[in-house]
Amino acid sequence: MALHYQEYGDKSASLMVFLHGGGVSDWMWDKQIQYFTHYHCIVPILPEHGLNNYEINFSIKGSAEELIKLIEEKARGKKVIIIGFSLGSQVIIQMLSMKPDLIDFAIINSASVRPISYAKRLIKPTISLTFPLIKNRWFSKLQAKTLYVGEDYFEKYYEESSQIKPDTLVRVLEENMSFEIPKDFRKATGKILVTVGEKEKVIMKKSAKDIVKANSNCIGVILPKIGHGVSLAMPDFFNHMVEVWLHEGNVPKECKVIS
């Protein structure tokens, strides 16, 4: 399995890896890449995401295995920072469980870790009914809005959405909805920041609490006035939060700490 990825920034600096969410791809981190030029940034595209990326099937564990190999190849003794969103954050949790000493700093944004068994049974019949909607621009506009995808990225989002295959969508949703915290997550030694938006669903907030409880190196925060997609919705706030947490260990005062 060969992951598609792009490299940016200062290759002599600490390694900063960005993992996108489901239904989007590497472009969701453009504002972060523009800001974190003083890091060696790597932005992978998860299997079956983006354009023409169907060599292998997506799975959370398979993606984690390949990303561990990539980081080991690129880090070469440097500090490793990894930042994820939604599906990408689930992959990070899997990575931390499989290789507890690999990552120095992890930022887990909006990760669901409470399996929804009844929903998983409904995925295939629901997708068979709704899949034709994906190619409709008005439907894509609605979906994009929930992820804070602005007009400047809508065409890219729509192009990628229109290409997705039904079995891919089923596979990604099944992986997402059945994911739970692996038992070895508690062994991860790096510092971990867990975030969830104040306007996200209850299950997401409960998931954030579960993650914080599962590893003593976690600190969790609820981000004010935001739903699912803080890095796209509020890139300046997000970038500042990351920078301050990495260097000072602090979180913005307007955030509510998850106890």
C-alpha atoms as a PDB file:
ATOM      1  CA  MET A   1       0.000   0.000   0.000  1.00  0.00           C
ATOM      2  CA  ALA A   2       1.467   3.357  -1.042  1.00  0.00           C
ATOM      3  CA  LEU A   3      -0.084   6.404   0.585  1.00  0.00           C
ATOM      4  CA  HIS A   4      -0.424   9.537  -1.502  1.00  0.00           C
ATOM      5  CA  TYR A   5       0.999  12.566   0.335  1.00  0.00           C
ATOM      6  CA  GLN A   6       2.462  16.041  -0.102  1.00  0.00           C
ATOM      7  CA  GLU A   7       5.392  17.601   1.769  1.00  0.00           C
ATOM      8  CA  TYR A   8       5.798  21.273   2.663  1.00  0.00           C
ATOM      9  CA  GLY A   9       7.788  23.593   4.898  1.00  0.00           C
ATOM     10  CA  ASP A  10      11.189  23.257   6.566  1.00  0.00           C
ATOM     11  CA  LYS A  11      12.475  19.687   6.201  1.00  0.00           C
ATOM     12  CA  SER A  12      15.018  20.223   8.994  1.00  0.00           C
ATOM     13  CA  ALA A  13      12.290  21.071  11.515  1.00  0.00           C
ATOM     14  CA  SER A  14       9.958  18.903  13.627  1.00  0.00           C
ATOM     15  CA  LEU A  15       7.575  16.715  11.651  1.00  0.00           C
ATOM     16  CA  MET A  16       3.914  17.809  11.555  1.00  0.00           C
ATOM     17  CA  VAL A  17       1.437  15.384   9.950  1.00  0.00           C
ATOM     18  CA  PHE A  18      -2.168  16.326   9.071  1.00  0.00           C
ATOM     19  CA  LEU A  19      -4.917  13.713   8.604  1.00  0.00           C
ATOM     20  CA  HIS A  20      -8.133  14.830   6.920  1.00  0.00           C
ATOM     21  CA  GLY A  21     -11.679  13.696   7.643  1.00  0.00           C
ATOM     22  CA  GLY A  22     -14.025  11.506   5.640  1.00  0.00           C
ATOM     23  CA  GLY A  23     -15.485  13.023   2.485  1.00  0.00           C
ATOM     24  CA  VAL A  24     -12.706  15.618   2.157  1.00  0.00           C
ATOM     25  CA  SER A  25      -8.976  15.307   1.447  1.00  0.00           C
ATOM     26  CA  ASP A  26      -5.631  17.059   1.871  1.00  0.00           C
ATOM     27  CA  TRP A  27      -6.938  20.481   0.796  1.00  0.00           C
ATOM     28  CA  MET A  28      -8.817  20.876   4.076  1.00  0.00           C
ATOM     29  CA  TRP A  29      -5.443  21.704   5.687  1.00  0.00           C
ATOM     30  CA  ASP A  30      -4.365  24.426   3.226  1.00  0.00           C
ATOM     31  CA  LYS A  31      -4.687  27.217   5.819  1.00  0.00           C
ATOM     32  CA  GLN A  32      -2.562  25.214   8.244  1.00  0.00           C
ATOM     33  CA  ILE A  33       0.126  24.506   5.650  1.00  0.00           C
ATOM     34  CA  GLN A  34       0.322  28.235   4.893  1.00  0.00           C
ATOM     35  CA  TYR A  35       0.755  28.990   8.597  1.00  0.00           C
ATOM     36  CA  PHE A  36       3.076  26.212   9.801  1.00  0.00           C
ATOM     37  CA  THR A  37       5.879  26.845   7.288  1.00  0.00           C
ATOM     38  CA  HIS A  38       8.412  26.548  10.139  1.00  0.00           C
ATOM     39  CA  TYR A  39       7.593  22.813  10.433  1.00  0.00           C
ATOM     40  CA  HIS A  40       8.215  19.866   8.114  1.00  0.00           C
ATOM     41  CA  CYS A  41       4.594  19.290   7.114  1.00  0.00           C
ATOM     42  CA  ILE A  42       3.258  16.091   5.557  1.00  0.00           C
ATOM     43  CA  VAL A  43      -0.328  15.863   4.354  1.00  0.00           C
ATOM     44  CA  PRO A  44      -1.385  12.334   3.368  1.00  0.00           C
ATOM     45  CA  ILE A  45      -4.545  11.461   1.454  1.00  0.00           C
ATOM     46  CA  LEU A  46      -6.309   8.515   3.034  1.00  0.00           C
ATOM     47  CA  PRO A  47      -7.132   5.579   0.715  1.00  0.00           C
ATOM     48  CA  GLU A  48     -10.279   6.024  -1.415  1.00  0.00           C
ATOM     49  CA  HIS A  49     -10.340   9.768  -0.737  1.00  0.00           C
ATOM     50  CA  GLY A  50      -9.466  12.634  -3.053  1.00  0.00           C
ATOM     51  CA  LEU A  51      -9.268  11.980  -6.801  1.00  0.00           C
ATOM     52  CA  ASN A  52      -8.224   8.726  -8.487  1.00  0.00           C
ATOM     53  CA  ASN A  53      -7.082   7.151  -5.227  1.00  0.00           C
ATOM     54  CA  TYR A  54      -8.605   3.676  -5.393  1.00  0.00           C
ATOM     55  CA  GLU A  55      -5.563   1.386  -5.460  1.00  0.00           C
ATOM     56  CA  ILE A  56      -6.512  -0.142  -2.103  1.00  0.00           C
ATOM     57  CA  ASN A  57      -9.556  -0.167   0.151  1.00  0.00           C
ATOM     58  CA  PHE A  58      -9.798   2.152   3.127  1.00  0.00           C
ATOM     59  CA  SER A  59      -9.627   0.833   6.662  1.00  0.00           C
ATOM     60  CA  ILE A  60      -8.665   2.614   9.869  1.00  0.00           C
ATOM     61  CA  LYS A  61      -6.157  -0.054  10.891  1.00  0.00           C
ATOM     62  CA  GLY A  62      -4.620  -0.358   7.419  1.00  0.00           C
ATOM     63  CA  SER A  63      -4.227   3.425   7.183  1.00  0.00           C
ATOM     64  CA  ALA A  64      -2.634   3.519  10.640  1.00  0.00           C
ATOM     65  CA  GLU A  65      -0.105   0.841   9.661  1.00  0.00           C
ATOM     66  CA  GLU A  66       0.968   2.727   6.537  1.00  0.00           C
ATOM     67  CA  LEU A  67       1.147   6.078   8.321  1.00  0.00           C
ATOM     68  CA  ILE A  68       3.371   4.585  11.014  1.00  0.00           C
ATOM     69  CA  LYS A  69       5.753   3.396   8.273  1.00  0.00           C
ATOM     70  CA  LEU A  70       5.697   6.832   6.621  1.00  0.00           C
ATOM     71  CA  ILE A  71       6.426   8.661   9.876  1.00  0.00           C
ATOM     72  CA  GLU A  72       9.243   6.282  10.788  1.00  0.00           C
ATOM     73  CA  GLU A  73      10.777   6.924   7.363  1.00  0.00           C
ATOM     74  CA  LYS A  74      10.446  10.716   7.551  1.00  0.00           C
ATOM     75  CA  ALA A  75      10.991  11.524  11.245  1.00  0.00           C
ATOM     76  CA  ARG A  76      14.549  10.189  11.690  1.00  0.00           C
ATOM     77  CA  GLY A  77      14.774  11.220  15.346  1.00  0.00           C
ATOM     78  CA  LYS A  78      12.791  14.446  15.006  1.00  0.00           C
ATOM     79  CA  LYS A  79       9.841  15.375  17.198  1.00  0.00           C
ATOM     80  CA  VAL A  80       6.568  14.140  15.692  1.00  0.00           C
ATOM     81  CA  ILE A  81       3.316  16.103  15.848  1.00  0.00           C
ATOM     82  CA  ILE A  82       0.135  14.672  14.333  1.00  0.00           C
ATOM     83  CA  ILE A  83      -3.142  16.527  13.854  1.00  0.00           C
ATOM     84  CA  GLY A  84      -6.371  14.908  12.711  1.00  0.00           C
ATOM     85  CA  PHE A  85     -10.010  15.645  12.085  1.00  0.00           C
ATOM     86  CA  SER A  86     -12.929  13.214  12.451  1.00  0.00           C
ATOM     87  CA  LEU A  87     -12.026  10.049  10.484  1.00  0.00           C
ATOM     88  CA  GLY A  88      -8.382  11.163  10.520  1.00  0.00           C
ATOM     89  CA  SER A  89      -8.558  11.459  14.308  1.00  0.00           C
ATOM     90  CA  GLN A  90      -9.813   7.898  14.563  1.00  0.00           C
ATOM     91  CA  VAL A  91      -6.761   6.832  12.560  1.00  0.00           C
ATOM     92  CA  ILE A  92      -4.545   8.735  15.029  1.00  0.00           C
ATOM     93  CA  ILE A  93      -6.093   6.918  17.997  1.00  0.00           C
ATOM     94  CA  GLN A  94      -5.390   3.622  16.225  1.00  0.00           C
ATOM     95  CA  MET A  95      -1.783   4.688  15.535  1.00  0.00           C
ATOM     96  CA  LEU A  96      -1.191   5.700  19.155  1.00  0.00           C
ATOM     97  CA  SER A  97      -2.492   2.298  20.239  1.00  0.00           C
ATOM     98  CA  MET A  98      -0.277   0.366  17.816  1.00  0.00           C
ATOM     99  CA  LYS A  99       2.933   2.387  18.336  1.00  0.00           C
ATOM    100  CA  PRO A 100       2.649   4.156  21.721  1.00  0.00           C
ATOM    101  CA  ASP A 101       6.093   5.827  21.621  1.00  0.00           C
ATOM    102  CA  LEU A 102       6.057   7.121  18.034  1.00  0.00           C
ATOM    103  CA  ILE A 103       4.240  10.431  18.441  1.00  0.00           C
ATOM    104  CA  ASP A 104       5.289  13.281  20.757  1.00  0.00           C
ATOM    105  CA  PHE A 105       2.189  15.466  20.327  1.00  0.00           C
ATOM    106  CA  ALA A 106      -1.233  14.448  18.997  1.00  0.00           C
ATOM    107  CA  ILE A 107      -4.248  16.673  18.405  1.00  0.00           C
ATOM    108  CA  ILE A 108      -7.463  14.704  18.076  1.00  0.00           C
ATOM    109  CA  ASN A 109     -10.320  16.829  16.726  1.00  0.00           C
ATOM    110  CA  SER A 110     -13.903  15.522  16.658  1.00  0.00           C
ATOM    111  CA  ALA A 111     -13.286  11.767  16.886  1.00  0.00           C
ATOM    112  CA  SER A 112     -16.215   9.401  17.401  1.00  0.00           C
ATOM    113  CA  VAL A 113     -15.332   6.400  19.592  1.00  0.00           C
ATOM    114  CA  ARG A 114     -18.806   5.130  20.507  1.00  0.00           C
ATOM    115  CA  PRO A 115     -19.891   2.435  18.029  1.00  0.00           C
ATOM    116  CA  ILE A 116     -23.420   2.835  16.638  1.00  0.00           C
ATOM    117  CA  SER A 117     -24.436  -0.763  15.963  1.00  0.00           C
ATOM    118  CA  TYR A 118     -27.986  -0.057  14.779  1.00  0.00           C
ATOM    119  CA  ALA A 119     -26.758   2.643  12.380  1.00  0.00           C
ATOM    120  CA  LYS A 120     -24.193   0.278  10.883  1.00  0.00           C
ATOM    121  CA  ARG A 121     -26.995  -2.113   9.880  1.00  0.00           C
ATOM    122  CA  LEU A 122     -28.763   0.714   8.069  1.00  0.00           C
ATOM    123  CA  ILE A 123     -25.769   1.984   6.087  1.00  0.00           C
ATOM    124  CA  LYS A 124     -26.091  -0.219   2.987  1.00  0.00           C
ATOM    125  CA  PRO A 125     -29.858   0.211   2.459  1.00  0.00           C
ATOM    126  CA  THR A 126     -29.620   3.943   3.161  1.00  0.00           C
ATOM    127  CA  ILE A 127     -26.730   4.448   0.733  1.00  0.00           C
ATOM    128  CA  SER A 128     -28.542   2.522  -2.008  1.00  0.00           C
ATOM    129  CA  LEU A 129     -31.443   4.976  -1.698  1.00  0.00           C
ATOM    130  CA  THR A 130     -29.529   8.220  -1.239  1.00  0.00           C
ATOM    131  CA  PHE A 131     -26.410   7.681  -3.350  1.00  0.00           C
ATOM    132  CA  PRO A 132     -27.851   9.354  -6.503  1.00  0.00           C
ATOM    133  CA  LEU A 133     -28.125  12.585  -4.478  1.00  0.00           C
ATOM    134  CA  ILE A 134     -24.339  12.827  -4.178  1.00  0.00           C
ATOM    135  CA  LYS A 135     -23.999  14.083  -7.745  1.00  0.00           C
ATOM    136  CA  ASN A 136     -26.558  16.851  -7.157  1.00  0.00           C
ATOM    137  CA  ARG A 137     -24.947  20.221  -6.492  1.00  0.00           C
ATOM    138  CA  TRP A 138     -27.639  21.364  -4.062  1.00  0.00           C
ATOM    139  CA  PHE A 139     -27.135  18.232  -1.941  1.00  0.00           C
ATOM    140  CA  SER A 140     -23.366  18.728  -1.988  1.00  0.00           C
ATOM    141  CA  LYS A 141     -23.904  22.351  -0.918  1.00  0.00           C
ATOM    142  CA  LEU A 142     -25.828  21.143   2.136  1.00  0.00           C
ATOM    143  CA  GLN A 143     -23.160  18.586   2.999  1.00  0.00           C
ATOM    144  CA  ALA A 144     -20.366  21.110   2.489  1.00  0.00           C
ATOM    145  CA  LYS A 145     -22.058  23.570   4.812  1.00  0.00           C
ATOM    146  CA  THR A 146     -22.056  21.085   7.712  1.00  0.00           C
ATOM    147  CA  LEU A 147     -18.270  20.736   7.304  1.00  0.00           C
ATOM    148  CA  TYR A 148     -17.667  24.499   6.905  1.00  0.00           C
ATOM    149  CA  VAL A 149     -16.400  24.019   3.350  1.00  0.00           C
ATOM    150  CA  GLY A 150     -16.503  27.539   1.897  1.00  0.00           C
ATOM    151  CA  GLU A 151     -17.155  28.702  -1.654  1.00  0.00           C
ATOM    152  CA  ASP A 152     -13.419  28.748  -2.380  1.00  0.00           C
ATOM    153  CA  TYR A 153     -13.234  24.973  -1.877  1.00  0.00           C
ATOM    154  CA  PHE A 154     -16.704  23.888  -2.928  1.00  0.00           C
ATOM    155  CA  GLU A 155     -15.800  22.943  -6.513  1.00  0.00           C
ATOM    156  CA  LYS A 156     -12.964  20.734  -5.296  1.00  0.00           C
ATOM    157  CA  TYR A 157     -15.239  19.169  -2.674  1.00  0.00           C
ATOM    158  CA  TYR A 158     -17.975  18.584  -5.277  1.00  0.00           C
ATOM    159  CA  GLU A 159     -15.543  17.042  -7.783  1.00  0.00           C
ATOM    160  CA  GLU A 160     -14.259  14.565  -5.200  1.00  0.00           C
ATOM    161  CA  SER A 161     -17.758  13.796  -3.878  1.00  0.00           C
ATOM    162  CA  SER A 162     -19.050  13.113  -7.381  1.00  0.00           C
ATOM    163  CA  GLN A 163     -16.305  10.552  -7.996  1.00  0.00           C
ATOM    164  CA  ILE A 164     -16.853   8.478  -4.842  1.00  0.00           C
ATOM    165  CA  LYS A 165     -18.154   4.940  -5.353  1.00  0.00           C
ATOM    166  CA  PRO A 166     -21.074   3.444  -3.406  1.00  0.00           C
ATOM    167  CA  ASP A 167     -19.005   0.615  -1.917  1.00  0.00           C
ATOM    168  CA  THR A 168     -16.360   3.130  -0.826  1.00  0.00           C
ATOM    169  CA  LEU A 169     -18.953   5.210   0.982  1.00  0.00           C
ATOM    170  CA  VAL A 170     -20.354   2.128   2.718  1.00  0.00           C
ATOM    171  CA  ARG A 171     -16.864   0.984   3.738  1.00  0.00           C
ATOM    172  CA  VAL A 172     -15.824   4.379   5.140  1.00  0.00           C
ATOM    173  CA  LEU A 173     -19.079   4.801   7.069  1.00  0.00           C
ATOM    174  CA  GLU A 174     -18.878   1.280   8.486  1.00  0.00           C
ATOM    175  CA  GLU A 175     -15.309   1.882   9.660  1.00  0.00           C
ATOM    176  CA  ASN A 176     -16.281   5.240  11.158  1.00  0.00           C
ATOM    177  CA  MET A 177     -19.398   4.023  12.958  1.00  0.00           C
ATOM    178  CA  SER A 178     -17.863   0.850  14.397  1.00  0.00           C
ATOM    179  CA  PHE A 179     -14.673   2.437  15.753  1.00  0.00           C
ATOM    180  CA  GLU A 180     -13.901   2.275  19.452  1.00  0.00           C
ATOM    181  CA  ILE A 181     -10.832   3.056  21.549  1.00  0.00           C
ATOM    182  CA  PRO A 182      -8.332   0.177  21.391  1.00  0.00           C
ATOM    183  CA  LYS A 183      -7.212  -1.051  24.816  1.00  0.00           C
ATOM    184  CA  ASP A 184      -3.566  -0.151  24.154  1.00  0.00           C
ATOM    185  CA  PHE A 185      -4.409   3.541  23.653  1.00  0.00           C
ATOM    186  CA  ARG A 186      -3.736   3.954  27.387  1.00  0.00           C
ATOM    187  CA  LYS A 187      -0.048   3.150  26.699  1.00  0.00           C
ATOM    188  CA  ALA A 188       0.538   6.160  24.396  1.00  0.00           C
ATOM    189  CA  THR A 189       3.306   8.274  25.930  1.00  0.00           C
ATOM    190  CA  GLY A 190       2.994  11.557  24.013  1.00  0.00           C
ATOM    191  CA  LYS A 191       0.950  14.603  24.978  1.00  0.00           C
ATOM    192  CA  ILE A 192      -2.580  14.503  23.563  1.00  0.00           C
ATOM    193  CA  LEU A 193      -5.032  17.363  23.034  1.00  0.00           C
ATOM    194  CA  VAL A 194      -8.640  16.290  22.444  1.00  0.00           C
ATOM    195  CA  THR A 195     -11.109  18.828  21.050  1.00  0.00           C
ATOM    196  CA  VAL A 196     -14.822  18.845  20.239  1.00  0.00           C
ATOM    197  CA  GLY A 197     -17.082  21.658  19.069  1.00  0.00           C
ATOM    198  CA  GLU A 198     -19.686  23.095  21.428  1.00  0.00           C
ATOM    199  CA  LYS A 199     -22.337  22.645  18.700  1.00  0.00           C
ATOM    200  CA  GLU A 200     -21.435  19.046  17.841  1.00  0.00           C
ATOM    201  CA  LYS A 201     -23.719  16.102  18.551  1.00  0.00           C
ATOM    202  CA  VAL A 202     -23.941  14.681  22.064  1.00  0.00           C
ATOM    203  CA  ILE A 203     -22.239  11.446  20.975  1.00  0.00           C
ATOM    204  CA  MET A 204     -19.195  13.456  19.857  1.00  0.00           C
ATOM    205  CA  LYS A 205     -18.946  15.213  23.226  1.00  0.00           C
ATOM    206  CA  LYS A 206     -19.276  11.895  25.049  1.00  0.00           C
ATOM    207  CA  SER A 207     -16.598  10.460  22.772  1.00  0.00           C
ATOM    208  CA  ALA A 208     -14.239  13.313  23.680  1.00  0.00           C
ATOM    209  CA  LYS A 209     -14.745  12.532  27.371  1.00  0.00           C
ATOM    210  CA  ASP A 210     -14.101   8.829  26.721  1.00  0.00           C
ATOM    211  CA  ILE A 211     -10.800   9.607  24.972  1.00  0.00           C
ATOM    212  CA  VAL A 212      -9.629  11.904  27.776  1.00  0.00           C
ATOM    213  CA  LYS A 213     -10.503   9.256  30.351  1.00  0.00           C
ATOM    214  CA  ALA A 214      -8.674   6.525  28.405  1.00  0.00           C
ATOM    215  CA  ASN A 215      -5.180   8.059  28.614  1.00  0.00           C
ATOM    216  CA  SER A 216      -3.694  10.112  31.466  1.00  0.00           C
ATOM    217  CA  ASN A 217      -1.676  12.228  29.001  1.00  0.00           C
ATOM    218  CA  CYS A 218      -4.850  13.709  27.480  1.00  0.00           C
ATOM    219  CA  ILE A 219      -6.298  17.146  28.027  1.00  0.00           C
ATOM    220  CA  GLY A 220      -9.710  17.788  26.466  1.00  0.00           C
ATOM    221  CA  VAL A 221     -11.475  21.013  25.544  1.00  0.00           C
ATOM    222  CA  ILE A 222     -14.846  22.058  24.182  1.00  0.00           C
ATOM    223  CA  LEU A 223     -14.401  24.706  21.486  1.00  0.00           C
ATOM    224  CA  PRO A 224     -16.963  27.536  21.752  1.00  0.00           C
ATOM    225  CA  LYS A 225     -19.609  28.344  19.123  1.00  0.00           C
ATOM    226  CA  ILE A 226     -18.472  25.733  16.615  1.00  0.00           C
ATOM    227  CA  GLY A 227     -19.731  22.472  15.126  1.00  0.00           C
ATOM    228  CA  HIS A 228     -17.893  19.745  13.192  1.00  0.00           C
ATOM    229  CA  GLY A 229     -14.896  21.323  11.464  1.00  0.00           C
ATOM    230  CA  VAL A 230     -13.031  23.938  13.508  1.00  0.00           C
ATOM    231  CA  SER A 231      -9.888  24.023  11.329  1.00  0.00           C
ATOM    232  CA  LEU A 232     -11.948  24.983   8.262  1.00  0.00           C
ATOM    233  CA  ALA A 233     -14.403  27.253  10.077  1.00  0.00           C
ATOM    234  CA  MET A 234     -11.891  29.144  12.232  1.00  0.00           C
ATOM    235  CA  PRO A 235      -8.395  28.532  10.822  1.00  0.00           C
ATOM    236  CA  ASP A 236      -6.733  31.467  12.617  1.00  0.00           C
ATOM    237  CA  PHE A 237      -8.158  30.402  15.979  1.00  0.00           C
ATOM    238  CA  PHE A 238      -7.204  26.772  15.305  1.00  0.00           C
ATOM    239  CA  ASN A 239      -3.632  27.577  14.236  1.00  0.00           C
ATOM    240  CA  HIS A 240      -3.077  29.774  17.281  1.00  0.00           C
ATOM    241  CA  MET A 241      -4.513  27.085  19.576  1.00  0.00           C
ATOM    242  CA  VAL A 242      -2.136  24.476  18.134  1.00  0.00           C
ATOM    243  CA  GLU A 243       0.902  26.753  18.403  1.00  0.00           C
ATOM    244  CA  VAL A 244       0.200  27.789  22.004  1.00  0.00           C
ATOM    245  CA  TRP A 245      -0.529  24.237  23.143  1.00  0.00           C
ATOM    246  CA  LEU A 246       2.630  22.870  21.521  1.00  0.00           C
ATOM    247  CA  HIS A 247       4.909  25.516  23.039  1.00  0.00           C
ATOM    248  CA  GLU A 248       3.228  26.396  26.331  1.00  0.00           C
ATOM    249  CA  GLY A 249       0.855  23.520  27.068  1.00  0.00           C
ATOM    250  CA  ASN A 250      -2.035  25.964  27.407  1.00  0.00           C
ATOM    251  CA  VAL A 251      -5.437  26.115  25.688  1.00  0.00           C
ATOM    252  CA  PRO A 252      -7.431  29.260  24.812  1.00  0.00           C
ATOM    253  CA  LYS A 253      -9.183  30.724  27.858  1.00  0.00           C
ATOM    254  CA  GLU A 254     -12.562  30.700  26.072  1.00  0.00           C
ATOM    255  CA  CYS A 255     -12.404  26.895  25.819  1.00  0.00           C
ATOM    256  CA  LYS A 256     -14.111  24.746  28.445  1.00  0.00           C
ATOM    257  CA  VAL A 257     -11.821  22.037  29.794  1.00  0.00           C
ATOM    258  CA  ILE A 258     -13.307  18.522  29.779  1.00  0.00           C
ATOM    259  CA  SER A 259     -12.979  17.102  33.281  1.00  0.00           C
END
